[in-house]
Amino acid sequence: MDPTATREIGQTGLAVTQLGFGAAHFGELYSLVTEEDAQATCAAAYKGGVRLYDTAPWYGVGLSEHRLGTFLRGQPRDEFIVSTKIGRVLSAPKQTEGFDNGMWLGGLPFELRFDYTYDAVMRSWEDSLQRLSLNRVDLLIIHDLDLVYHQTPENVERYMRQLEDGGGMRALEELKAGGQIKAIGAGINRDHAMLQFLDRIDLDCFLVAMPYTLIDQGVLTDLFPRCQAKGMSVIIGSPYASGILATGVSSGGGKYNYEDAPPEIVEKVAGIEKVCARHNVPLQAAALQFPLGHPMVASIIPGGVTAAQVEQNVKAVSTQIPADFWAELKAEGLLAAEAPVPE
């Protein structure tokens, strides 16, 4: 599979490489990242032919956008695609001394608020341009409007109303109509959040963190067909299921859905690894290539904090996988029978 081959986002004419790069880890969620490593990682991705780069104001409370922009501003602007997100507005904290920015191990010392209204979308977009040192982005994504971050259906509904009645979608549509962006998406963590958008808001794509991986294919029978009927695309934001499909289970578990993997997931991944061993297929290669077997998946965007990790991702996507491997996974009940697989 060619990591540099391109696929269209929805019906927008915006073409992205099948292998992209997710810059969330530049925000220093699990470990501190040096500026040198961040720039070397971006350079390795670019050298490997990756031309889709995804970030967000949330990642390191602005730090990820700064780091990605430092690299991208030195590249020819028409040679890459960049996506960022709206929904959180950053501002200086009232108490600057000893400020704690929450879940980020490092990151920048800014406060944030959720806001999906017209003015907030426009401010967030312009703030992102300045942090990225770019005068345009290609894809703008509604970020985390789901129960994971908003906790109750009432809160989710309130923010959906900001999009619909408070002008958030109007702002996005104005930017698209004016050529400042080329596509509009929604970045969600759970498949249930896809329903609210499919029922109420027209989008070009979803960026999904977990619902479609080598472990989980529950969206195949309902949500994906609905997306296809609307002419939408999907970008897979966590093809390694937040870790366990990269590390495997030999080290004693691994991360799944950003937490320690439960026993049933460890057992399933162990079974997949046995099939991988029989066919001499690296687990990482299977994890990255599987989602791209679906015609609606435009790109996968694994992250990385070192050049070596990005180089491994490029190699994994390029690895030849025999058809018998996918057939055995289905025969063993480790992969949905109806799941399309790479040819």
C-alpha atoms as a PDB file:
ATOM      1  CA  MET A   1       0.000   0.000   0.000  1.00  0.00           C
ATOM      2  CA  ASP A   2       1.380   3.397  -1.015  1.00  0.00           C
ATOM      3  CA  PRO A   3       1.347   5.826   1.952  1.00  0.00           C
ATOM      4  CA  THR A   4       1.628   8.788  -0.426  1.00  0.00           C
ATOM      5  CA  ALA A   5      -1.407   7.901  -2.559  1.00  0.00           C
ATOM      6  CA  THR A   6      -4.254  10.358  -2.107  1.00  0.00           C
ATOM      7  CA  ARG A   7      -7.980  10.123  -1.471  1.00  0.00           C
ATOM      8  CA  GLU A   8     -10.632  12.833  -1.594  1.00  0.00           C
ATOM      9  CA  ILE A   9     -12.341  14.255   1.503  1.00  0.00           C
ATOM     10  CA  GLY A  10     -16.054  13.867   0.825  1.00  0.00           C
ATOM     11  CA  GLN A  11     -16.960  15.681  -2.371  1.00  0.00           C
ATOM     12  CA  THR A  12     -14.738  18.692  -1.722  1.00  0.00           C
ATOM     13  CA  GLY A  13     -11.908  18.095  -4.162  1.00  0.00           C
ATOM     14  CA  LEU A  14      -9.494  18.175  -1.205  1.00  0.00           C
ATOM     15  CA  ALA A  15      -7.057  15.273  -1.644  1.00  0.00           C
ATOM     16  CA  VAL A  16      -5.094  13.931   1.334  1.00  0.00           C
ATOM     17  CA  THR A  17      -2.404  11.286   1.597  1.00  0.00           C
ATOM     18  CA  GLN A  18      -3.549   7.905   2.878  1.00  0.00           C
ATOM     19  CA  LEU A  19      -0.969   8.224   5.658  1.00  0.00           C
ATOM     20  CA  GLY A  20      -1.185  11.451   7.610  1.00  0.00           C
ATOM     21  CA  PHE A  21       0.394  12.660  10.829  1.00  0.00           C
ATOM     22  CA  GLY A  22      -1.423  13.435  14.077  1.00  0.00           C
ATOM     23  CA  ALA A  23       0.390  16.046  16.178  1.00  0.00           C
ATOM     24  CA  ALA A  24      -1.467  15.537  19.477  1.00  0.00           C
ATOM     25  CA  HIS A  25       1.609  14.145  21.224  1.00  0.00           C
ATOM     26  CA  PHE A  26       3.472  17.396  20.569  1.00  0.00           C
ATOM     27  CA  GLY A  27       1.195  18.777  23.287  1.00  0.00           C
ATOM     28  CA  GLU A  28       2.978  16.567  25.853  1.00  0.00           C
ATOM     29  CA  LEU A  29       0.162  14.434  27.188  1.00  0.00           C
ATOM     30  CA  TYR A  30       2.164  11.373  28.265  1.00  0.00           C
ATOM     31  CA  SER A  31       5.737  12.649  28.084  1.00  0.00           C
ATOM     32  CA  LEU A  32       7.699  15.833  27.515  1.00  0.00           C
ATOM     33  CA  VAL A  33       8.874  16.374  23.943  1.00  0.00           C
ATOM     34  CA  THR A  34      11.886  18.487  23.047  1.00  0.00           C
ATOM     35  CA  GLU A  35      11.694  21.056  20.279  1.00  0.00           C
ATOM     36  CA  GLU A  36      14.479  19.188  18.513  1.00  0.00           C
ATOM     37  CA  ASP A  37      12.508  15.922  18.552  1.00  0.00           C
ATOM     38  CA  ALA A  38       9.316  17.638  17.402  1.00  0.00           C
ATOM     39  CA  GLN A  39      11.021  19.193  14.392  1.00  0.00           C
ATOM     40  CA  ALA A  40      12.898  15.981  13.529  1.00  0.00           C
ATOM     41  CA  THR A  41       9.613  14.056  13.691  1.00  0.00           C
ATOM     42  CA  CYS A  42       7.914  16.485  11.304  1.00  0.00           C
ATOM     43  CA  ALA A  43      10.893  16.318   8.954  1.00  0.00           C
ATOM     44  CA  ALA A  44      10.788  12.506   8.927  1.00  0.00           C
ATOM     45  CA  ALA A  45       7.075  12.553   8.095  1.00  0.00           C
ATOM     46  CA  TYR A  46       7.608  15.006   5.265  1.00  0.00           C
ATOM     47  CA  LYS A  47      10.547  13.001   3.908  1.00  0.00           C
ATOM     48  CA  GLY A  48       8.341   9.889   3.984  1.00  0.00           C
ATOM     49  CA  GLY A  49       5.770  11.559   1.750  1.00  0.00           C
ATOM     50  CA  VAL A  50       3.210  12.413   4.444  1.00  0.00           C
ATOM     51  CA  ARG A  51       1.283  15.505   3.387  1.00  0.00           C
ATOM     52  CA  LEU A  52      -1.678  15.608   5.807  1.00  0.00           C
ATOM     53  CA  TYR A  53      -0.948  17.135   9.214  1.00  0.00           C
ATOM     54  CA  ASP A  54      -3.552  17.353  11.976  1.00  0.00           C
ATOM     55  CA  THR A  55      -3.441  19.428  15.146  1.00  0.00           C
ATOM     56  CA  ALA A  56      -5.762  21.355  17.501  1.00  0.00           C
ATOM     57  CA  PRO A  57      -5.705  24.207  20.021  1.00  0.00           C
ATOM     58  CA  TRP A  58      -6.457  21.614  22.719  1.00  0.00           C
ATOM     59  CA  TYR A  59      -3.214  19.681  22.194  1.00  0.00           C
ATOM     60  CA  GLY A  60      -0.866  21.109  24.779  1.00  0.00           C
ATOM     61  CA  VAL A  61      -3.126  24.178  24.987  1.00  0.00           C
ATOM     62  CA  GLY A  62      -1.588  25.662  21.848  1.00  0.00           C
ATOM     63  CA  LEU A  63       1.835  24.000  21.943  1.00  0.00           C
ATOM     64  CA  SER A  64       1.111  21.439  19.219  1.00  0.00           C
ATOM     65  CA  GLU A  65       0.026  24.122  16.758  1.00  0.00           C
ATOM     66  CA  HIS A  66       3.156  26.175  17.469  1.00  0.00           C
ATOM     67  CA  ARG A  67       5.449  23.193  16.921  1.00  0.00           C
ATOM     68  CA  LEU A  68       3.731  21.959  13.783  1.00  0.00           C
ATOM     69  CA  GLY A  69       3.632  25.475  12.353  1.00  0.00           C
ATOM     70  CA  THR A  70       7.339  25.976  12.990  1.00  0.00           C
ATOM     71  CA  PHE A  71       8.012  23.149  10.562  1.00  0.00           C
ATOM     72  CA  LEU A  72       5.238  23.702   8.027  1.00  0.00           C
ATOM     73  CA  ARG A  73       5.911  27.393   7.482  1.00  0.00           C
ATOM     74  CA  GLY A  74       9.225  26.394   5.890  1.00  0.00           C
ATOM     75  CA  GLN A  75       7.580  24.097   3.324  1.00  0.00           C
ATOM     76  CA  PRO A  76       5.901  25.085   0.037  1.00  0.00           C
ATOM     77  CA  ARG A  77       2.319  25.848   1.077  1.00  0.00           C
ATOM     78  CA  ASP A  78       0.667  24.059  -1.830  1.00  0.00           C
ATOM     79  CA  GLU A  79       2.475  20.795  -1.031  1.00  0.00           C
ATOM     80  CA  PHE A  80       0.711  19.924   2.236  1.00  0.00           C
ATOM     81  CA  ILE A  81      -2.726  19.815   3.837  1.00  0.00           C
ATOM     82  CA  VAL A  82      -3.239  20.959   7.427  1.00  0.00           C
ATOM     83  CA  SER A  83      -6.262  20.505   9.644  1.00  0.00           C
ATOM     84  CA  THR A  84      -7.013  22.059  13.003  1.00  0.00           C
ATOM     85  CA  LYS A  85     -10.078  22.375  15.188  1.00  0.00           C
ATOM     86  CA  ILE A  86     -12.609  24.701  16.792  1.00  0.00           C
ATOM     87  CA  GLY A  87     -14.640  24.440  19.986  1.00  0.00           C
ATOM     88  CA  ARG A  88     -12.096  25.624  22.541  1.00  0.00           C
ATOM     89  CA  VAL A  89     -10.950  29.237  22.878  1.00  0.00           C
ATOM     90  CA  LEU A  90      -7.652  29.914  24.662  1.00  0.00           C
ATOM     91  CA  SER A  91      -6.933  32.949  26.827  1.00  0.00           C
ATOM     92  CA  ALA A  92      -4.424  34.150  29.405  1.00  0.00           C
ATOM     93  CA  PRO A  93      -5.178  32.916  32.938  1.00  0.00           C
ATOM     94  CA  LYS A  94      -6.174  35.403  35.625  1.00  0.00           C
ATOM     95  CA  GLN A  95      -3.515  33.958  37.929  1.00  0.00           C
ATOM     96  CA  THR A  96      -0.350  33.472  35.925  1.00  0.00           C
ATOM     97  CA  GLU A  97       1.868  32.223  38.756  1.00  0.00           C
ATOM     98  CA  GLY A  98       1.729  28.484  39.350  1.00  0.00           C
ATOM     99  CA  PHE A  99      -0.888  27.972  36.664  1.00  0.00           C
ATOM    100  CA  ASP A 100      -1.850  24.329  36.111  1.00  0.00           C
ATOM    101  CA  ASN A 101      -3.124  23.474  32.620  1.00  0.00           C
ATOM    102  CA  GLY A 102      -4.706  20.210  33.701  1.00  0.00           C
ATOM    103  CA  MET A 103      -4.170  16.910  31.955  1.00  0.00           C
ATOM    104  CA  TRP A 104      -1.145  17.984  29.909  1.00  0.00           C
ATOM    105  CA  LEU A 105       2.169  16.964  31.374  1.00  0.00           C
ATOM    106  CA  GLY A 106       3.742  19.952  29.665  1.00  0.00           C
ATOM    107  CA  GLY A 107       1.978  22.246  27.228  1.00  0.00           C
ATOM    108  CA  LEU A 108       1.417  25.991  27.497  1.00  0.00           C
ATOM    109  CA  PRO A 109      -0.036  28.039  30.404  1.00  0.00           C
ATOM    110  CA  PHE A 110      -3.382  29.130  28.981  1.00  0.00           C
ATOM    111  CA  GLU A 111      -6.948  28.755  30.144  1.00  0.00           C
ATOM    112  CA  LEU A 112      -9.624  27.511  27.797  1.00  0.00           C
ATOM    113  CA  ARG A 113     -13.362  27.550  27.477  1.00  0.00           C
ATOM    114  CA  PHE A 114     -15.693  25.531  25.292  1.00  0.00           C
ATOM    115  CA  ASP A 115     -17.505  27.756  22.831  1.00  0.00           C
ATOM    116  CA  TYR A 116     -19.065  26.793  19.488  1.00  0.00           C
ATOM    117  CA  THR A 117     -20.715  30.124  18.634  1.00  0.00           C
ATOM    118  CA  TYR A 118     -20.043  32.258  15.538  1.00  0.00           C
ATOM    119  CA  ASP A 119     -17.608  34.663  17.222  1.00  0.00           C
ATOM    120  CA  ALA A 120     -15.754  31.841  18.995  1.00  0.00           C
ATOM    121  CA  VAL A 121     -15.311  29.859  15.775  1.00  0.00           C
ATOM    122  CA  MET A 122     -13.914  32.911  14.003  1.00  0.00           C
ATOM    123  CA  ARG A 123     -11.600  33.754  16.879  1.00  0.00           C
ATOM    124  CA  SER A 124     -10.397  30.173  17.233  1.00  0.00           C
ATOM    125  CA  TRP A 125      -9.694  29.946  13.496  1.00  0.00           C
ATOM    126  CA  GLU A 126      -7.674  33.188  13.455  1.00  0.00           C
ATOM    127  CA  ASP A 127      -5.802  32.285  16.647  1.00  0.00           C
ATOM    128  CA  SER A 128      -4.865  28.942  15.097  1.00  0.00           C
ATOM    129  CA  LEU A 129      -3.563  30.633  11.960  1.00  0.00           C
ATOM    130  CA  GLN A 130      -1.269  32.773  14.092  1.00  0.00           C
ATOM    131  CA  ARG A 131      -0.013  29.847  16.172  1.00  0.00           C
ATOM    132  CA  LEU A 132       0.610  27.872  12.975  1.00  0.00           C
ATOM    133  CA  SER A 133       2.239  30.855  11.226  1.00  0.00           C
ATOM    134  CA  LEU A 134       0.059  30.096   8.202  1.00  0.00           C
ATOM    135  CA  ASN A 135      -2.567  32.274   6.544  1.00  0.00           C
ATOM    136  CA  ARG A 136      -4.935  29.404   5.817  1.00  0.00           C
ATOM    137  CA  VAL A 137      -5.813  25.887   6.886  1.00  0.00           C
ATOM    138  CA  ASP A 138      -7.513  23.360   4.649  1.00  0.00           C
ATOM    139  CA  LEU A 139      -9.771  21.413   6.999  1.00  0.00           C
ATOM    140  CA  LEU A 140     -11.504  22.846  10.087  1.00  0.00           C
ATOM    141  CA  ILE A 141     -12.968  20.348  12.527  1.00  0.00           C
ATOM    142  CA  ILE A 142     -15.611  20.720  15.254  1.00  0.00           C
ATOM    143  CA  HIS A 143     -13.784  19.246  18.226  1.00  0.00           C
ATOM    144  CA  ASP A 144     -14.990  16.934  21.012  1.00  0.00           C
ATOM    145  CA  LEU A 145     -18.680  17.795  20.981  1.00  0.00           C
ATOM    146  CA  ASP A 146     -19.592  14.560  22.727  1.00  0.00           C
ATOM    147  CA  LEU A 147     -20.216  13.038  26.138  1.00  0.00           C
ATOM    148  CA  VAL A 148     -16.553  12.306  26.780  1.00  0.00           C
ATOM    149  CA  TYR A 149     -15.818  15.980  27.417  1.00  0.00           C
ATOM    150  CA  HIS A 150     -19.275  17.431  28.081  1.00  0.00           C
ATOM    151  CA  GLN A 151     -20.459  14.632  30.400  1.00  0.00           C
ATOM    152  CA  THR A 152     -24.236  15.013  30.123  1.00  0.00           C
ATOM    153  CA  PRO A 153     -26.690  14.979  27.206  1.00  0.00           C
ATOM    154  CA  GLU A 154     -27.916  18.395  28.365  1.00  0.00           C
ATOM    155  CA  ASN A 155     -24.448  19.887  27.994  1.00  0.00           C
ATOM    156  CA  VAL A 156     -23.989  18.310  24.590  1.00  0.00           C
ATOM    157  CA  GLU A 157     -27.336  19.704  23.472  1.00  0.00           C
ATOM    158  CA  ARG A 158     -26.419  23.186  24.726  1.00  0.00           C
ATOM    159  CA  TYR A 159     -23.277  23.214  22.620  1.00  0.00           C
ATOM    160  CA  MET A 160     -25.068  21.757  19.617  1.00  0.00           C
ATOM    161  CA  ARG A 161     -27.438  24.712  19.909  1.00  0.00           C
ATOM    162  CA  GLN A 162     -24.422  27.020  19.781  1.00  0.00           C
ATOM    163  CA  LEU A 163     -23.499  25.457  16.464  1.00  0.00           C
ATOM    164  CA  GLU A 164     -27.016  25.615  15.078  1.00  0.00           C
ATOM    165  CA  ASP A 165     -28.567  28.719  16.622  1.00  0.00           C
ATOM    166  CA  GLY A 166     -25.464  30.537  17.862  1.00  0.00           C
ATOM    167  CA  GLY A 167     -23.892  30.738  14.439  1.00  0.00           C
ATOM    168  CA  GLY A 168     -21.046  28.245  14.745  1.00  0.00           C
ATOM    169  CA  MET A 169     -21.999  26.381  11.587  1.00  0.00           C
ATOM    170  CA  ARG A 170     -22.687  29.662   9.808  1.00  0.00           C
ATOM    171  CA  ALA A 171     -19.114  30.711  10.546  1.00  0.00           C
ATOM    172  CA  LEU A 172     -17.724  27.442   9.185  1.00  0.00           C
ATOM    173  CA  GLU A 173     -19.889  27.632   6.080  1.00  0.00           C
ATOM    174  CA  GLU A 174     -18.817  31.252   5.462  1.00  0.00           C
ATOM    175  CA  LEU A 175     -15.163  30.261   5.693  1.00  0.00           C
ATOM    176  CA  LYS A 176     -15.715  27.416   3.258  1.00  0.00           C
ATOM    177  CA  ALA A 177     -17.743  29.513   0.818  1.00  0.00           C
ATOM    178  CA  GLY A 178     -15.052  32.204   0.928  1.00  0.00           C
ATOM    179  CA  GLY A 179     -12.263  29.748   0.186  1.00  0.00           C
ATOM    180  CA  GLN A 180     -10.492  30.167   3.543  1.00  0.00           C
ATOM    181  CA  ILE A 181     -11.067  26.453   4.234  1.00  0.00           C
ATOM    182  CA  LYS A 182     -11.897  23.611   1.872  1.00  0.00           C
ATOM    183  CA  ALA A 183     -13.703  21.151   4.133  1.00  0.00           C
ATOM    184  CA  ILE A 184     -15.624  20.945   7.421  1.00  0.00           C
ATOM    185  CA  GLY A 185     -15.507  17.975   9.760  1.00  0.00           C
ATOM    186  CA  ALA A 186     -16.289  16.803  13.265  1.00  0.00           C
ATOM    187  CA  GLY A 187     -13.750  15.141  15.528  1.00  0.00           C
ATOM    188  CA  ILE A 188     -15.408  12.709  17.916  1.00  0.00           C
ATOM    189  CA  ASN A 189     -14.314  10.104  20.451  1.00  0.00           C
ATOM    190  CA  ARG A 190     -17.246   7.655  20.440  1.00  0.00           C
ATOM    191  CA  ASP A 191     -19.524   6.379  17.725  1.00  0.00           C
ATOM    192  CA  HIS A 192     -22.699   7.648  19.442  1.00  0.00           C
ATOM    193  CA  ALA A 193     -21.556  11.206  18.749  1.00  0.00           C
ATOM    194  CA  MET A 194     -21.695  10.533  15.033  1.00  0.00           C
ATOM    195  CA  LEU A 195     -25.466  10.129  15.277  1.00  0.00           C
ATOM    196  CA  GLN A 196     -26.140  13.659  16.487  1.00  0.00           C
ATOM    197  CA  PHE A 197     -24.223  15.150  13.575  1.00  0.00           C
ATOM    198  CA  LEU A 198     -25.670  12.809  10.967  1.00  0.00           C
ATOM    199  CA  ASP A 199     -29.183  13.711  12.093  1.00  0.00           C
ATOM    200  CA  ARG A 200     -28.665  17.480  12.292  1.00  0.00           C
ATOM    201  CA  ILE A 201     -25.611  18.898  10.517  1.00  0.00           C
ATOM    202  CA  ASP A 202     -24.087  18.440   7.068  1.00  0.00           C
ATOM    203  CA  LEU A 203     -20.362  17.707   7.141  1.00  0.00           C
ATOM    204  CA  ASP A 204     -17.664  16.621   4.711  1.00  0.00           C
ATOM    205  CA  CYS A 205     -16.001  14.163   7.071  1.00  0.00           C
ATOM    206  CA  PHE A 206     -15.614  12.715  10.541  1.00  0.00           C
ATOM    207  CA  LEU A 207     -12.304  12.400  12.321  1.00  0.00           C
ATOM    208  CA  VAL A 208     -12.875   9.483  14.676  1.00  0.00           C
ATOM    209  CA  ALA A 209     -10.573   8.588  17.540  1.00  0.00           C
ATOM    210  CA  MET A 210     -11.679   5.026  18.265  1.00  0.00           C
ATOM    211  CA  PRO A 211     -14.733   3.559  16.506  1.00  0.00           C
ATOM    212  CA  TYR A 212     -12.998   1.866  13.548  1.00  0.00           C
ATOM    213  CA  THR A 213      -9.791  -0.087  14.180  1.00  0.00           C
ATOM    214  CA  LEU A 214      -8.461  -3.622  13.849  1.00  0.00           C
ATOM    215  CA  ILE A 215     -10.154  -4.234  17.231  1.00  0.00           C
ATOM    216  CA  ASP A 216     -13.539  -2.529  16.712  1.00  0.00           C
ATOM    217  CA  GLN A 217     -15.784  -2.491  13.635  1.00  0.00           C
ATOM    218  CA  GLY A 218     -19.208  -1.882  15.163  1.00  0.00           C
ATOM    219  CA  VAL A 219     -19.869   1.158  12.950  1.00  0.00           C
ATOM    220  CA  LEU A 220     -19.917  -0.938   9.780  1.00  0.00           C
ATOM    221  CA  THR A 221     -23.580  -1.927   9.850  1.00  0.00           C
ATOM    222  CA  ASP A 222     -25.233   1.407  10.598  1.00  0.00           C
ATOM    223  CA  LEU A 223     -23.127   4.549  10.963  1.00  0.00           C
ATOM    224  CA  PHE A 224     -20.699   4.061   8.099  1.00  0.00           C
ATOM    225  CA  PRO A 225     -23.470   3.333   5.574  1.00  0.00           C
ATOM    226  CA  ARG A 226     -25.221   6.521   6.684  1.00  0.00           C
ATOM    227  CA  CYS A 227     -22.011   8.485   6.196  1.00  0.00           C
ATOM    228  CA  GLN A 228     -21.554   6.951   2.755  1.00  0.00           C
ATOM    229  CA  ALA A 229     -25.091   7.873   1.795  1.00  0.00           C
ATOM    230  CA  LYS A 230     -24.245  11.503   2.579  1.00  0.00           C
ATOM    231  CA  GLY A 231     -21.045  11.379   0.520  1.00  0.00           C
ATOM    232  CA  MET A 232     -18.841  11.804   3.582  1.00  0.00           C
ATOM    233  CA  SER A 233     -15.333  10.568   4.334  1.00  0.00           C
ATOM    234  CA  VAL A 234     -13.740   9.373   7.555  1.00  0.00           C
ATOM    235  CA  ILE A 235     -10.257  10.056   8.898  1.00  0.00           C
ATOM    236  CA  ILE A 236      -9.029   7.534  11.474  1.00  0.00           C
ATOM    237  CA  GLY A 237      -7.392   9.426  14.321  1.00  0.00           C
ATOM    238  CA  SER A 238      -6.189   6.512  16.447  1.00  0.00           C
ATOM    239  CA  PRO A 239      -5.464   3.514  14.214  1.00  0.00           C
ATOM    240  CA  TYR A 240      -3.401   1.958  17.005  1.00  0.00           C
ATOM    241  CA  ALA A 241      -6.443   2.181  19.340  1.00  0.00           C
ATOM    242  CA  SER A 242      -4.377   4.629  21.445  1.00  0.00           C
ATOM    243  CA  GLY A 243      -1.475   2.233  21.816  1.00  0.00           C
ATOM    244  CA  ILE A 244      -2.143  -1.481  22.159  1.00  0.00           C
ATOM    245  CA  LEU A 245      -2.057  -2.140  18.406  1.00  0.00           C
ATOM    246  CA  ALA A 246       1.397  -0.572  18.298  1.00  0.00           C
ATOM    247  CA  THR A 247       2.893  -2.218  21.368  1.00  0.00           C
ATOM    248  CA  GLY A 248       1.067  -5.543  21.336  1.00  0.00           C
ATOM    249  CA  VAL A 249       0.430  -7.400  24.584  1.00  0.00           C
ATOM    250  CA  SER A 250       3.758  -9.124  25.204  1.00  0.00           C
ATOM    251  CA  SER A 251       4.824  -6.333  27.562  1.00  0.00           C
ATOM    252  CA  GLY A 252       1.804  -7.007  29.757  1.00  0.00           C
ATOM    253  CA  GLY A 253      -1.156  -5.149  28.334  1.00  0.00           C
ATOM    254  CA  GLY A 254      -0.988  -1.764  26.660  1.00  0.00           C
ATOM    255  CA  LYS A 255      -3.194   1.295  26.310  1.00  0.00           C
ATOM    256  CA  TYR A 256      -6.657   1.035  24.802  1.00  0.00           C
ATOM    257  CA  ASN A 257      -9.011   3.988  24.533  1.00  0.00           C
ATOM    258  CA  TYR A 258      -6.365   6.027  26.413  1.00  0.00           C
ATOM    259  CA  GLU A 259      -6.548   3.779  29.483  1.00  0.00           C
ATOM    260  CA  ASP A 260      -5.073   0.432  30.513  1.00  0.00           C
ATOM    261  CA  ALA A 261      -6.518  -2.214  28.211  1.00  0.00           C
ATOM    262  CA  PRO A 262      -9.185  -4.440  29.832  1.00  0.00           C
ATOM    263  CA  PRO A 263      -8.678  -8.225  29.798  1.00  0.00           C
ATOM    264  CA  GLU A 264     -11.051  -8.897  26.879  1.00  0.00           C
ATOM    265  CA  ILE A 265      -9.137  -6.448  24.672  1.00  0.00           C
ATOM    266  CA  VAL A 266      -5.788  -7.926  25.703  1.00  0.00           C
ATOM    267  CA  GLU A 267      -7.138 -11.378  24.817  1.00  0.00           C
ATOM    268  CA  LYS A 268      -8.375 -10.231  21.407  1.00  0.00           C
ATOM    269  CA  VAL A 269      -5.115  -8.506  20.523  1.00  0.00           C
ATOM    270  CA  ALA A 270      -3.182 -11.591  21.633  1.00  0.00           C
ATOM    271  CA  GLY A 271      -5.264 -13.616  19.169  1.00  0.00           C
ATOM    272  CA  ILE A 272      -4.571 -11.131  16.380  1.00  0.00           C
ATOM    273  CA  GLU A 273      -0.856 -11.308  17.170  1.00  0.00           C
ATOM    274  CA  LYS A 274      -0.892 -15.093  16.777  1.00  0.00           C
ATOM    275  CA  VAL A 275      -2.374 -14.741  13.294  1.00  0.00           C
ATOM    276  CA  CYS A 276       0.203 -12.055  12.521  1.00  0.00           C
ATOM    277  CA  ALA A 277       2.989 -14.443  13.540  1.00  0.00           C
ATOM    278  CA  ARG A 278       1.654 -17.248  11.344  1.00  0.00           C
ATOM    279  CA  HIS A 279       1.674 -14.959   8.296  1.00  0.00           C
ATOM    280  CA  ASN A 280       4.806 -12.987   9.201  1.00  0.00           C
ATOM    281  CA  VAL A 281       2.805  -9.750   9.280  1.00  0.00           C
ATOM    282  CA  PRO A 282       3.828  -7.025  11.768  1.00  0.00           C
ATOM    283  CA  LEU A 283       0.943  -6.039  14.048  1.00  0.00           C
ATOM    284  CA  GLN A 284       1.603  -2.380  13.300  1.00  0.00           C
ATOM    285  CA  ALA A 285       1.270  -2.983   9.563  1.00  0.00           C
ATOM    286  CA  ALA A 286      -2.060  -4.749  10.005  1.00  0.00           C
ATOM    287  CA  ALA A 287      -3.348  -1.995  12.318  1.00  0.00           C
ATOM    288  CA  LEU A 288      -2.469   0.835   9.949  1.00  0.00           C
ATOM    289  CA  GLN A 289      -3.537  -0.824   6.715  1.00  0.00           C
ATOM    290  CA  PHE A 290      -6.831  -2.326   7.864  1.00  0.00           C
ATOM    291  CA  PRO A 291      -8.875   0.923   8.043  1.00  0.00           C
ATOM    292  CA  LEU A 292      -7.682   1.910   4.578  1.00  0.00           C
ATOM    293  CA  GLY A 293      -9.447  -1.124   3.181  1.00  0.00           C
ATOM    294  CA  HIS A 294     -12.718   0.771   3.561  1.00  0.00           C
ATOM    295  CA  PRO A 295     -13.401   3.063   0.580  1.00  0.00           C
ATOM    296  CA  MET A 296     -14.853   5.742   2.849  1.00  0.00           C
ATOM    297  CA  VAL A 297     -11.637   6.086   4.886  1.00  0.00           C
ATOM    298  CA  ALA A 298      -9.605   8.909   3.385  1.00  0.00           C
ATOM    299  CA  SER A 299      -6.601   8.755   5.690  1.00  0.00           C
ATOM    300  CA  ILE A 300      -5.125   7.419   8.913  1.00  0.00           C
ATOM    301  CA  ILE A 301      -3.223   9.833  11.144  1.00  0.00           C
ATOM    302  CA  PRO A 302      -1.089   7.998  13.698  1.00  0.00           C
ATOM    303  CA  GLY A 303       1.040  10.212  15.889  1.00  0.00           C
ATOM    304  CA  GLY A 304       4.666  10.012  16.907  1.00  0.00           C
ATOM    305  CA  VAL A 305       7.217  11.869  18.984  1.00  0.00           C
ATOM    306  CA  THR A 306      10.403  10.675  17.298  1.00  0.00           C
ATOM    307  CA  ALA A 307      11.591  10.414  13.726  1.00  0.00           C
ATOM    308  CA  ALA A 308      12.008   6.657  14.191  1.00  0.00           C
ATOM    309  CA  GLN A 309       8.324   6.209  15.066  1.00  0.00           C
ATOM    310  CA  VAL A 310       7.210   8.052  11.942  1.00  0.00           C
ATOM    311  CA  GLU A 311       9.631   6.083   9.790  1.00  0.00           C
ATOM    312  CA  GLN A 312       8.175   2.879  11.257  1.00  0.00           C
ATOM    313  CA  ASN A 313       4.660   4.028  10.344  1.00  0.00           C
ATOM    314  CA  VAL A 314       5.698   4.698   6.743  1.00  0.00           C
ATOM    315  CA  LYS A 315       7.293   1.254   6.574  1.00  0.00           C
ATOM    316  CA  ALA A 316       4.238  -0.402   8.129  1.00  0.00           C
ATOM    317  CA  VAL A 317       1.841   1.068   5.573  1.00  0.00           C
ATOM    318  CA  SER A 318       4.165  -0.035   2.773  1.00  0.00           C
ATOM    319  CA  THR A 319       4.457  -3.649   4.012  1.00  0.00           C
ATOM    320  CA  GLN A 320       2.936  -6.330   1.795  1.00  0.00           C
ATOM    321  CA  ILE A 321       0.112  -8.229   3.557  1.00  0.00           C
ATOM    322  CA  PRO A 322      -1.258 -11.447   1.983  1.00  0.00           C
ATOM    323  CA  ALA A 323      -4.994 -11.868   1.462  1.00  0.00           C
ATOM    324  CA  ASP A 324      -4.887 -15.088   3.493  1.00  0.00           C
ATOM    325  CA  PHE A 325      -4.021 -13.052   6.586  1.00  0.00           C
ATOM    326  CA  TRP A 326      -7.278 -11.099   6.494  1.00  0.00           C
ATOM    327  CA  ALA A 327      -9.226 -14.257   5.672  1.00  0.00           C
ATOM    328  CA  GLU A 328      -7.846 -16.037   8.728  1.00  0.00           C
ATOM    329  CA  LEU A 329      -8.683 -13.130  11.020  1.00  0.00           C
ATOM    330  CA  LYS A 330     -12.293 -13.358   9.825  1.00  0.00           C
ATOM    331  CA  ALA A 331     -12.358 -17.140  10.125  1.00  0.00           C
ATOM    332  CA  GLU A 332     -11.112 -16.863  13.717  1.00  0.00           C
ATOM    333  CA  GLY A 333     -13.812 -14.303  14.564  1.00  0.00           C
ATOM    334  CA  LEU A 334     -11.198 -11.618  15.191  1.00  0.00           C
ATOM    335  CA  LEU A 335     -12.413  -9.359  12.403  1.00  0.00           C
ATOM    336  CA  ALA A 336     -15.960  -8.590  11.275  1.00  0.00           C
ATOM    337  CA  ALA A 337     -16.929 -10.782   8.327  1.00  0.00           C
ATOM    338  CA  GLU A 338     -18.332  -7.792   6.421  1.00  0.00           C
ATOM    339  CA  ALA A 339     -15.251  -5.591   6.949  1.00  0.00           C
ATOM    340  CA  PRO A 340     -13.628  -4.554   3.664  1.00  0.00           C
ATOM    341  CA  VAL A 341      -9.893  -5.257   3.666  1.00  0.00           C
ATOM    342  CA  PRO A 342      -6.974  -3.906   1.624  1.00  0.00           C
ATOM    343  CA  GLU A 343      -6.414  -5.604  -1.710  1.00  0.00           C
END
